[in-house]
Amino acid sequence: MIVADAQWTQGTDTFNIKLPRDFVFYDRSYSHYAYNSDGSTMKIDGNEISSLGRCDDDSLWQSGQLSPTQLSLDDFHTVSLFFDDEYWGGGHSCAAIALIYREA
């Protein structure tokens, strides 16, 4: 399963995700992308997962694994995506969480 969000204007957007206990999770990963940005940050429950710096007319990308502590079972987690577009305009930022799982 892939859960994704995008921010097309300066500011922060959030979504909630909950991993049910009756599934076995083999992988929890994230991807964070920014284009033409003064900076972008992805957080889970207020904890920074990824931070991308300034990219004028270019893009930056980062991905990695999430630990069971960062995305624990049976709890709602808030994923936030901040996009800074103060000076350049026309950019955007995206965040995604990919889960590999099966029913227990």
PDB file of N, CA and C in Angstrom:
ATOM      1  N   MET A   1       0.850  -1.169   0.000  1.00  0.00           N
ATOM      2  CA  MET A   1       0.000   0.000   0.000  1.00  0.00           C
ATOM      3  C   MET A   1       0.896   1.232   0.000  1.00  0.00           C
ATOM      4  N   ILE A   2       0.495   2.231  -0.758  1.00  0.00           N
ATOM      5  CA  ILE A   2       1.201   3.502  -0.768  1.00  0.00           C
ATOM      6  C   ILE A   2       0.207   4.598  -0.406  1.00  0.00           C
ATOM      7  N   VAL A   3       0.571   5.405   0.588  1.00  0.00           N
ATOM      8  CA  VAL A   3      -0.231   6.549   1.004  1.00  0.00           C
ATOM      9  C   VAL A   3       0.596   7.783   0.681  1.00  0.00           C
ATOM     10  N   ALA A   4       0.030   8.719  -0.082  1.00  0.00           N
ATOM     11  CA  ALA A   4       0.809   9.875  -0.530  1.00  0.00           C
ATOM     12  C   ALA A   4       0.012  11.170  -0.384  1.00  0.00           C
ATOM     13  N   ASP A   5       0.756  12.266  -0.305  1.00  0.00           N
ATOM     14  CA  ASP A   5       0.164  13.590  -0.216  1.00  0.00           C
ATOM     15  C   ASP A   5       1.098  14.577  -0.911  1.00  0.00           C
ATOM     16  N   ALA A   6       0.558  15.700  -1.341  1.00  0.00           N
ATOM     17  CA  ALA A   6       1.356  16.737  -1.996  1.00  0.00           C
ATOM     18  C   ALA A   6       0.945  18.098  -1.456  1.00  0.00           C
ATOM     19  N   GLN A   7       1.885  19.022  -1.464  1.00  0.00           N
ATOM     20  CA  GLN A   7       1.640  20.399  -1.044  1.00  0.00           C
ATOM     21  C   GLN A   7       2.078  21.301  -2.189  1.00  0.00           C
ATOM     22  N   TRP A   8       1.115  22.042  -2.780  1.00  0.00           N
ATOM     23  CA  TRP A   8       1.364  22.852  -3.975  1.00  0.00           C
ATOM     24  C   TRP A   8       1.540  24.330  -3.669  1.00  0.00           C
ATOM     25  N   THR A   9       1.283  24.737  -2.443  1.00  0.00           N
ATOM     26  CA  THR A   9       1.461  26.123  -2.025  1.00  0.00           C
ATOM     27  C   THR A   9       2.219  26.124  -0.708  1.00  0.00           C
ATOM     28  N   GLN A  10       2.754  27.277  -0.331  1.00  0.00           N
ATOM     29  CA  GLN A  10       3.494  27.337   0.921  1.00  0.00           C
ATOM     30  C   GLN A  10       2.586  26.981   2.085  1.00  0.00           C
ATOM     31  N   GLY A  11       3.095  26.152   2.976  1.00  0.00           N
ATOM     32  CA  GLY A  11       2.340  25.770   4.150  1.00  0.00           C
ATOM     33  C   GLY A  11       2.530  24.303   4.486  1.00  0.00           C
ATOM     34  N   THR A  12       1.650  23.814   5.343  1.00  0.00           N
ATOM     35  CA  THR A  12       1.722  22.444   5.835  1.00  0.00           C
ATOM     36  C   THR A  12       0.413  21.722   5.577  1.00  0.00           C
ATOM     37  N   ASP A  13       0.519  20.474   5.136  1.00  0.00           N
ATOM     38  CA  ASP A  13      -0.639  19.607   4.980  1.00  0.00           C
ATOM     39  C   ASP A  13      -0.379  18.357   5.811  1.00  0.00           C
ATOM     40  N   THR A  14      -1.442  17.752   6.324  1.00  0.00           N
ATOM     41  CA  THR A  14      -1.285  16.556   7.165  1.00  0.00           C
ATOM     42  C   THR A  14      -2.268  15.472   6.744  1.00  0.00           C
ATOM     43  N   PHE A  15      -1.912  14.237   7.080  1.00  0.00           N
ATOM     44  CA  PHE A  15      -2.855  13.125   6.987  1.00  0.00           C
ATOM     45  C   PHE A  15      -2.556  12.166   8.126  1.00  0.00           C
ATOM     46  N   ASN A  16      -3.552  11.370   8.477  1.00  0.00           N
ATOM     47  CA  ASN A  16      -3.402  10.386   9.557  1.00  0.00           C
ATOM     48  C   ASN A  16      -3.349   8.988   8.977  1.00  0.00           C
ATOM     49  N   ILE A  17      -2.586   8.129   9.647  1.00  0.00           N
ATOM     50  CA  ILE A  17      -2.452   6.743   9.226  1.00  0.00           C
ATOM     51  C   ILE A  17      -2.427   5.861  10.472  1.00  0.00           C
ATOM     52  N   LYS A  18      -3.059   4.696  10.362  1.00  0.00           N
ATOM     53  CA  LYS A  18      -3.078   3.738  11.470  1.00  0.00           C
ATOM     54  C   LYS A  18      -2.787   2.351  10.913  1.00  0.00           C
ATOM     55  N   LEU A  19      -1.807   1.675  11.492  1.00  0.00           N
ATOM     56  CA  LEU A  19      -1.443   0.322  11.082  1.00  0.00           C
ATOM     57  C   LEU A  19      -2.109  -0.662  12.049  1.00  0.00           C
ATOM     58  N   PRO A  20      -3.075  -1.457  11.577  1.00  0.00           N
ATOM     59  CA  PRO A  20      -3.794  -2.371  12.472  1.00  0.00           C
ATOM     60  C   PRO A  20      -2.918  -3.525  12.965  1.00  0.00           C
ATOM     61  N   ARG A  21      -3.171  -3.927  14.167  1.00  0.00           N
ATOM     62  CA  ARG A  21      -2.404  -5.001  14.809  1.00  0.00           C
ATOM     63  C   ARG A  21      -2.646  -6.364  14.144  1.00  0.00           C
ATOM     64  N   ASP A  22      -3.751  -6.538  13.439  1.00  0.00           N
ATOM     65  CA  ASP A  22      -4.045  -7.837  12.835  1.00  0.00           C
ATOM     66  C   ASP A  22      -3.375  -8.021  11.463  1.00  0.00           C
ATOM     67  N   PHE A  23      -2.353  -7.225  11.181  1.00  0.00           N
ATOM     68  CA  PHE A  23      -1.523  -7.376   9.986  1.00  0.00           C
ATOM     69  C   PHE A  23      -0.069  -7.540  10.410  1.00  0.00           C
ATOM     70  N   VAL A  24       0.688  -8.250   9.596  1.00  0.00           N
ATOM     71  CA  VAL A  24       2.130  -8.382   9.791  1.00  0.00           C
ATOM     72  C   VAL A  24       2.790  -7.443   8.790  1.00  0.00           C
ATOM     73  N   PHE A  25       3.609  -6.513   9.276  1.00  0.00           N
ATOM     74  CA  PHE A  25       4.265  -5.538   8.418  1.00  0.00           C
ATOM     75  C   PHE A  25       5.715  -5.940   8.189  1.00  0.00           C
ATOM     76  N   TYR A  26       6.066  -6.095   6.918  1.00  0.00           N
ATOM     77  CA  TYR A  26       7.422  -6.482   6.541  1.00  0.00           C
ATOM     78  C   TYR A  26       8.289  -5.263   6.239  1.00  0.00           C
ATOM     79  N   ASP A  27       7.674  -4.189   5.807  1.00  0.00           N
ATOM     80  CA  ASP A  27       8.446  -3.004   5.469  1.00  0.00           C
ATOM     81  C   ASP A  27       7.599  -1.755   5.674  1.00  0.00           C
ATOM     82  N   ARG A  28       8.239  -0.739   6.243  1.00  0.00           N
ATOM     83  CA  ARG A  28       7.665   0.600   6.388  1.00  0.00           C
ATOM     84  C   ARG A  28       8.696   1.555   5.808  1.00  0.00           C
ATOM     85  N   SER A  29       8.356   2.220   4.720  1.00  0.00           N
ATOM     86  CA  SER A  29       9.311   3.107   4.050  1.00  0.00           C
ATOM     87  C   SER A  29       8.667   4.460   3.772  1.00  0.00           C
ATOM     88  N   TYR A  30       9.517   5.447   3.496  1.00  0.00           N
ATOM     89  CA  TYR A  30       9.015   6.770   3.128  1.00  0.00           C
ATOM     90  C   TYR A  30       9.774   7.297   1.915  1.00  0.00           C
ATOM     91  N   SER A  31       9.150   8.239   1.242  1.00  0.00           N
ATOM     92  CA  SER A  31       9.771   8.967   0.150  1.00  0.00           C
ATOM     93  C   SER A  31       9.350  10.427   0.287  1.00  0.00           C
ATOM     94  N   HIS A  32      10.294  11.331   0.079  1.00  0.00           N
ATOM     95  CA  HIS A  32      10.045  12.762   0.240  1.00  0.00           C
ATOM     96  C   HIS A  32      10.695  13.470  -0.947  1.00  0.00           C
ATOM     97  N   TYR A  33       9.942  14.344  -1.615  1.00  0.00           N
ATOM     98  CA  TYR A  33      10.384  14.995  -2.847  1.00  0.00           C
ATOM     99  C   TYR A  33      10.019  16.476  -2.798  1.00  0.00           C
ATOM    100  N   ALA A  34      10.892  17.315  -3.341  1.00  0.00           N
ATOM    101  CA  ALA A  34      10.579  18.741  -3.472  1.00  0.00           C
ATOM    102  C   ALA A  34      11.117  19.250  -4.803  1.00  0.00           C
ATOM    103  N   TYR A  35      10.361  20.147  -5.423  1.00  0.00           N
ATOM    104  CA  TYR A  35      10.769  20.781  -6.673  1.00  0.00           C
ATOM    105  C   TYR A  35      10.640  22.295  -6.539  1.00  0.00           C
ATOM    106  N   ASN A  36      11.665  23.014  -6.964  1.00  0.00           N
ATOM    107  CA  ASN A  36      11.649  24.473  -6.979  1.00  0.00           C
ATOM    108  C   ASN A  36      11.187  25.017  -5.631  1.00  0.00           C
ATOM    109  N   SER A  37      11.930  24.688  -4.606  1.00  0.00           N
ATOM    110  CA  SER A  37      11.511  24.928  -3.234  1.00  0.00           C
ATOM    111  C   SER A  37      12.577  25.675  -2.446  1.00  0.00           C
ATOM    112  N   ASP A  38      12.130  26.401  -1.432  1.00  0.00           N
ATOM    113  CA  ASP A  38      13.053  26.983  -0.455  1.00  0.00           C
ATOM    114  C   ASP A  38      13.283  26.023   0.699  1.00  0.00           C
ATOM    115  N   GLY A  39      12.638  24.877   0.675  1.00  0.00           N
ATOM    116  CA  GLY A  39      12.808  23.850   1.699  1.00  0.00           C
ATOM    117  C   GLY A  39      11.518  23.081   1.941  1.00  0.00           C
ATOM    118  N   SER A  40      11.665  21.855   2.399  1.00  0.00           N
ATOM    119  CA  SER A  40      10.506  21.014   2.696  1.00  0.00           C
ATOM    120  C   SER A  40      10.873  20.059   3.821  1.00  0.00           C
ATOM    121  N   THR A  41       9.915  19.784   4.696  1.00  0.00           N
ATOM    122  CA  THR A  41      10.137  18.887   5.826  1.00  0.00           C
ATOM    123  C   THR A  41       8.981  17.908   5.937  1.00  0.00           C
ATOM    124  N   MET A  42       9.320  16.651   6.176  1.00  0.00           N
ATOM    125  CA  MET A  42       8.326  15.602   6.422  1.00  0.00           C
ATOM    126  C   MET A  42       8.483  15.148   7.870  1.00  0.00           C
ATOM    127  N   LYS A  43       7.360  15.096   8.594  1.00  0.00           N
ATOM    128  CA  LYS A  43       7.379  14.680   9.999  1.00  0.00           C
ATOM    129  C   LYS A  43       6.318  13.618  10.250  1.00  0.00           C
ATOM    130  N   ILE A  44       6.578  12.780  11.235  1.00  0.00           N
ATOM    131  CA  ILE A  44       5.577  11.846  11.748  1.00  0.00           C
ATOM    132  C   ILE A  44       5.446  12.119  13.233  1.00  0.00           C
ATOM    133  N   ASP A  45       4.242  12.446  13.659  1.00  0.00           N
ATOM    134  CA  ASP A  45       3.950  12.777  15.056  1.00  0.00           C
ATOM    135  C   ASP A  45       4.879  13.864  15.592  1.00  0.00           C
ATOM    136  N   GLY A  46       5.199  14.842  14.744  1.00  0.00           N
ATOM    137  CA  GLY A  46       6.040  15.958  15.156  1.00  0.00           C
ATOM    138  C   GLY A  46       7.536  15.688  15.107  1.00  0.00           C
ATOM    139  N   ASN A  47       7.924  14.455  14.797  1.00  0.00           N
ATOM    140  CA  ASN A  47       9.340  14.097  14.719  1.00  0.00           C
ATOM    141  C   ASN A  47       9.801  14.146  13.264  1.00  0.00           C
ATOM    142  N   GLU A  48      10.881  14.890  13.022  1.00  0.00           N
ATOM    143  CA  GLU A  48      11.378  15.045  11.661  1.00  0.00           C
ATOM    144  C   GLU A  48      11.893  13.721  11.099  1.00  0.00           C
ATOM    145  N   ILE A  49      11.379  13.369   9.932  1.00  0.00           N
ATOM    146  CA  ILE A  49      11.794  12.165   9.213  1.00  0.00           C
ATOM    147  C   ILE A  49      12.758  12.538   8.097  1.00  0.00           C
ATOM    148  N   SER A  50      12.467  13.653   7.417  1.00  0.00           N
ATOM    149  CA  SER A  50      13.268  14.062   6.272  1.00  0.00           C
ATOM    150  C   SER A  50      13.195  15.576   6.120  1.00  0.00           C
ATOM    151  N   SER A  51      14.318  16.167   5.741  1.00  0.00           N
ATOM    152  CA  SER A  51      14.358  17.597   5.486  1.00  0.00           C
ATOM    153  C   SER A  51      15.142  17.834   4.197  1.00  0.00           C
ATOM    154  N   LEU A  52      14.527  18.570   3.285  1.00  0.00           N
ATOM    155  CA  LEU A  52      15.151  18.885   2.010  1.00  0.00           C
ATOM    156  C   LEU A  52      15.405  20.378   1.949  1.00  0.00           C
ATOM    157  N   GLY A  53      16.577  20.779   1.493  1.00  0.00           N
ATOM    158  CA  GLY A  53      16.946  22.187   1.418  1.00  0.00           C
ATOM    159  C   GLY A  53      16.443  22.856   0.153  1.00  0.00           C
ATOM    160  N   ARG A  54      17.028  23.987  -0.126  1.00  0.00           N
ATOM    161  CA  ARG A  54      16.636  24.809  -1.262  1.00  0.00           C
ATOM    162  C   ARG A  54      17.012  24.126  -2.579  1.00  0.00           C
ATOM    163  N   CYS A  55      16.104  24.198  -3.534  1.00  0.00           N
ATOM    164  CA  CYS A  55      16.367  23.627  -4.862  1.00  0.00           C
ATOM    165  C   CYS A  55      15.724  24.527  -5.913  1.00  0.00           C
ATOM    166  N   ASP A  56      16.507  25.455  -6.460  1.00  0.00           N
ATOM    167  CA  ASP A  56      16.028  26.419  -7.450  1.00  0.00           C
ATOM    168  C   ASP A  56      15.929  25.750  -8.814  1.00  0.00           C
ATOM    169  N   ASP A  57      14.735  25.721  -9.386  1.00  0.00           N
ATOM    170  CA  ASP A  57      14.512  25.105 -10.705  1.00  0.00           C
ATOM    171  C   ASP A  57      15.096  23.708 -10.795  1.00  0.00           C
ATOM    172  N   ASP A  58      15.059  23.004  -9.703  1.00  0.00           N
ATOM    173  CA  ASP A  58      15.606  21.652  -9.626  1.00  0.00           C
ATOM    174  C   ASP A  58      14.780  20.869  -8.610  1.00  0.00           C
ATOM    175  N   SER A  59      15.139  19.618  -8.396  1.00  0.00           N
ATOM    176  CA  SER A  59      14.407  18.810  -7.426  1.00  0.00           C
ATOM    177  C   SER A  59      15.380  18.095  -6.491  1.00  0.00           C
ATOM    178  N   LEU A  60      14.887  17.785  -5.304  1.00  0.00           N
ATOM    179  CA  LEU A  60      15.604  16.985  -4.320  1.00  0.00           C
ATOM    180  C   LEU A  60      14.697  15.844  -3.904  1.00  0.00           C
ATOM    181  N   TRP A  61      15.299  14.730  -3.523  1.00  0.00           N
ATOM    182  CA  TRP A  61      14.530  13.546  -3.161  1.00  0.00           C
ATOM    183  C   TRP A  61      15.273  12.782  -2.079  1.00  0.00           C
ATOM    184  N   GLN A  62      14.533  12.210  -1.147  1.00  0.00           N
ATOM    185  CA  GLN A  62      15.117  11.391  -0.094  1.00  0.00           C
ATOM    186  C   GLN A  62      14.136  10.272   0.244  1.00  0.00           C
ATOM    187  N   SER A  63      14.671   9.098   0.561  1.00  0.00           N
ATOM    188  CA  SER A  63      13.815   7.982   0.969  1.00  0.00           C
ATOM    189  C   SER A  63      14.555   7.175   2.025  1.00  0.00           C
ATOM    190  N   GLY A  64      13.801   6.329   2.703  1.00  0.00           N
ATOM    191  CA  GLY A  64      14.422   5.497   3.727  1.00  0.00           C
ATOM    192  C   GLY A  64      13.407   4.614   4.427  1.00  0.00           C
ATOM    193  N   GLN A  65      13.904   3.869   5.381  1.00  0.00           N
ATOM    194  CA  GLN A  65      13.077   2.954   6.170  1.00  0.00           C
ATOM    195  C   GLN A  65      12.506   3.681   7.387  1.00  0.00           C
ATOM    196  N   LEU A  66      11.341   3.261   7.816  1.00  0.00           N
ATOM    197  CA  LEU A  66      10.737   3.728   9.064  1.00  0.00           C
ATOM    198  C   LEU A  66      10.776   2.571  10.056  1.00  0.00           C
ATOM    199  N   SER A  67      11.098   2.872  11.287  1.00  0.00           N
ATOM    200  CA  SER A  67      11.173   1.828  12.316  1.00  0.00           C
ATOM    201  C   SER A  67       9.780   1.527  12.870  1.00  0.00           C
ATOM    202  N   PRO A  68       9.613   0.364  13.504  1.00  0.00           N
ATOM    203  CA  PRO A  68       8.341   0.068  14.162  1.00  0.00           C
ATOM    204  C   PRO A  68       7.994   1.089  15.249  1.00  0.00           C
ATOM    205  N   THR A  69       8.981   1.749  15.806  1.00  0.00           N
ATOM    206  CA  THR A  69       8.725   2.795  16.799  1.00  0.00           C
ATOM    207  C   THR A  69       8.164   4.047  16.130  1.00  0.00           C
ATOM    208  N   GLN A  70       8.675   4.394  14.966  1.00  0.00           N
ATOM    209  CA  GLN A  70       8.207   5.591  14.257  1.00  0.00           C
ATOM    210  C   GLN A  70       6.790   5.423  13.721  1.00  0.00           C
ATOM    211  N   LEU A  71       6.410   4.198  13.395  1.00  0.00           N
ATOM    212  CA  LEU A  71       5.086   3.912  12.843  1.00  0.00           C
ATOM    213  C   LEU A  71       4.559   2.655  13.533  1.00  0.00           C
ATOM    214  N   SER A  72       4.210   2.808  14.797  1.00  0.00           N
ATOM    215  CA  SER A  72       3.786   1.671  15.624  1.00  0.00           C
ATOM    216  C   SER A  72       2.368   1.217  15.272  1.00  0.00           C
ATOM    217  N   LEU A  73       2.039   0.017  15.723  1.00  0.00           N
ATOM    218  CA  LEU A  73       0.733  -0.582  15.438  1.00  0.00           C
ATOM    219  C   LEU A  73      -0.350  -0.024  16.350  1.00  0.00           C
ATOM    220  N   ASP A  74      -1.581  -0.017  15.833  1.00  0.00           N
ATOM    221  CA  ASP A  74      -2.799   0.345  16.556  1.00  0.00           C
ATOM    222  C   ASP A  74      -2.826   1.759  17.120  1.00  0.00           C
ATOM    223  N   ASP A  75      -2.002   2.652  16.588  1.00  0.00           N
ATOM    224  CA  ASP A  75      -2.025   4.056  16.985  1.00  0.00           C
ATOM    225  C   ASP A  75      -2.209   4.901  15.730  1.00  0.00           C
ATOM    226  N   PHE A  76      -2.994   5.971  15.858  1.00  0.00           N
ATOM    227  CA  PHE A  76      -3.065   6.926  14.765  1.00  0.00           C
ATOM    228  C   PHE A  76      -1.799   7.769  14.780  1.00  0.00           C
ATOM    229  N   HIS A  77      -1.186   7.926  13.617  1.00  0.00           N
ATOM    230  CA  HIS A  77       0.006   8.745  13.467  1.00  0.00           C
ATOM    231  C   HIS A  77      -0.319   9.877  12.499  1.00  0.00           C
ATOM    232  N   THR A  78       0.182  11.067  12.800  1.00  0.00           N
ATOM    233  CA  THR A  78      -0.019  12.219  11.935  1.00  0.00           C
ATOM    234  C   THR A  78       1.247  12.462  11.122  1.00  0.00           C
ATOM    235  N   VAL A  79       1.095  12.409   9.810  1.00  0.00           N
ATOM    236  CA  VAL A  79       2.192  12.695   8.888  1.00  0.00           C
ATOM    237  C   VAL A  79       1.980  14.124   8.394  1.00  0.00           C
ATOM    238  N   SER A  80       3.016  14.958   8.535  1.00  0.00           N
ATOM    239  CA  SER A  80       2.896  16.337   8.069  1.00  0.00           C
ATOM    240  C   SER A  80       3.966  16.622   7.022  1.00  0.00           C
ATOM    241  N   LEU A  81       3.585  17.437   6.058  1.00  0.00           N
ATOM    242  CA  LEU A  81       4.464  17.831   4.971  1.00  0.00           C
ATOM    243  C   LEU A  81       4.461  19.351   4.889  1.00  0.00           C
ATOM    244  N   PHE A  82       5.615  19.957   5.173  1.00  0.00           N
ATOM    245  CA  PHE A  82       5.772  21.406   5.079  1.00  0.00           C
ATOM    246  C   PHE A  82       6.501  21.734   3.786  1.00  0.00           C
ATOM    247  N   PHE A  83       6.010  22.761   3.093  1.00  0.00           N
ATOM    248  CA  PHE A  83       6.623  23.212   1.848  1.00  0.00           C
ATOM    249  C   PHE A  83       6.835  24.711   1.924  1.00  0.00           C
ATOM    250  N   ASP A  84       8.069  25.161   1.730  1.00  0.00           N
ATOM    251  CA  ASP A  84       8.404  26.579   1.755  1.00  0.00           C
ATOM    252  C   ASP A  84       8.580  27.070   0.321  1.00  0.00           C
ATOM    253  N   ASP A  85       7.678  27.928  -0.106  1.00  0.00           N
ATOM    254  CA  ASP A  85       7.661  28.438  -1.478  1.00  0.00           C
ATOM    255  C   ASP A  85       7.660  29.964  -1.458  1.00  0.00           C
ATOM    256  N   GLU A  86       8.308  30.533  -0.447  1.00  0.00           N
ATOM    257  CA  GLU A  86       8.220  31.974  -0.234  1.00  0.00           C
ATOM    258  C   GLU A  86       8.816  32.793  -1.373  1.00  0.00           C
ATOM    259  N   TYR A  87       9.935  32.357  -1.949  1.00  0.00           N
ATOM    260  CA  TYR A  87      10.635  33.188  -2.923  1.00  0.00           C
ATOM    261  C   TYR A  87      10.488  32.750  -4.372  1.00  0.00           C
ATOM    262  N   TRP A  88      10.343  31.472  -4.633  1.00  0.00           N
ATOM    263  CA  TRP A  88      10.433  30.989  -6.013  1.00  0.00           C
ATOM    264  C   TRP A  88       9.094  30.849  -6.706  1.00  0.00           C
ATOM    265  N   GLY A  89       8.130  30.264  -6.086  1.00  0.00           N
ATOM    266  CA  GLY A  89       6.824  30.059  -6.707  1.00  0.00           C
ATOM    267  C   GLY A  89       6.851  28.959  -7.754  1.00  0.00           C
ATOM    268  N   GLY A  90       5.722  28.308  -7.942  1.00  0.00           N
ATOM    269  CA  GLY A  90       5.599  27.289  -8.973  1.00  0.00           C
ATOM    270  C   GLY A  90       6.146  25.929  -8.608  1.00  0.00           C
ATOM    271  N   GLY A  91       6.565  25.746  -7.386  1.00  0.00           N
ATOM    272  CA  GLY A  91       7.104  24.452  -6.973  1.00  0.00           C
ATOM    273  C   GLY A  91       6.087  23.620  -6.218  1.00  0.00           C
ATOM    274  N   HIS A  92       6.541  22.504  -5.709  1.00  0.00           N
ATOM    275  CA  HIS A  92       5.686  21.646  -4.905  1.00  0.00           C
ATOM    276  C   HIS A  92       6.537  20.649  -4.120  1.00  0.00           C
ATOM    277  N   SER A  93       5.876  19.959  -3.219  1.00  0.00           N
ATOM    278  CA  SER A  93       6.527  18.946  -2.405  1.00  0.00           C
ATOM    279  C   SER A  93       5.576  17.766  -2.241  1.00  0.00           C
ATOM    280  N   CYS A  94       6.138  16.568  -2.155  1.00  0.00           N
ATOM    281  CA  CYS A  94       5.336  15.356  -2.014  1.00  0.00           C
ATOM    282  C   CYS A  94       5.930  14.453  -0.935  1.00  0.00           C
ATOM    283  N   ALA A  95       5.063  13.702  -0.281  1.00  0.00           N
ATOM    284  CA  ALA A  95       5.497  12.719   0.718  1.00  0.00           C
ATOM    285  C   ALA A  95       4.681  11.452   0.522  1.00  0.00           C
ATOM    286  N   ALA A  96       5.333  10.310   0.706  1.00  0.00           N
ATOM    287  CA  ALA A  96       4.639   9.033   0.570  1.00  0.00           C
ATOM    288  C   ALA A  96       5.150   8.055   1.621  1.00  0.00           C
ATOM    289  N   ILE A  97       4.257   7.196   2.066  1.00  0.00           N
ATOM    290  CA  ILE A  97       4.612   6.078   2.941  1.00  0.00           C
ATOM    291  C   ILE A  97       4.204   4.809   2.222  1.00  0.00           C
ATOM    292  N   ALA A  98       5.149   3.884   2.097  1.00  0.00           N
ATOM    293  CA  ALA A  98       4.894   2.590   1.451  1.00  0.00           C
ATOM    294  C   ALA A  98       4.937   1.492   2.508  1.00  0.00           C
ATOM    295  N   LEU A  99       3.941   0.619   2.471  1.00  0.00           N
ATOM    296  CA  LEU A  99       3.830  -0.473   3.449  1.00  0.00           C
ATOM    297  C   LEU A  99       3.737  -1.796   2.715  1.00  0.00           C
ATOM    298  N   ILE A 100       4.523  -2.766   3.158  1.00  0.00           N
ATOM    299  CA  ILE A 100       4.414  -4.133   2.665  1.00  0.00           C
ATOM    300  C   ILE A 100       3.936  -4.972   3.839  1.00  0.00           C
ATOM    301  N   TYR A 101       2.802  -5.638   3.666  1.00  0.00           N
ATOM    302  CA  TYR A 101       2.178  -6.349   4.785  1.00  0.00           C
ATOM    303  C   TYR A 101       1.328  -7.507   4.292  1.00  0.00           C
ATOM    304  N   ARG A 102       0.879  -8.301   5.262  1.00  0.00           N
ATOM    305  CA  ARG A 102      -0.094  -9.370   4.989  1.00  0.00           C
ATOM    306  C   ARG A 102      -0.966  -9.524   6.226  1.00  0.00           C
ATOM    307  N   GLU A 103      -2.128 -10.137   6.040  1.00  0.00           N
ATOM    308  CA  GLU A 103      -2.983 -10.398   7.183  1.00  0.00           C
ATOM    309  C   GLU A 103      -2.338 -11.458   8.058  1.00  0.00           C
ATOM    310  N   ALA A 104      -2.469 -11.281   9.359  1.00  0.00           N
ATOM    311  CA  ALA A 104      -1.853 -12.233  10.319  1.00  0.00           C
ATOM    312  C   ALA A 104      -2.619 -13.536  10.338  1.00  0.00           C
TER     313      ALA A 104
END
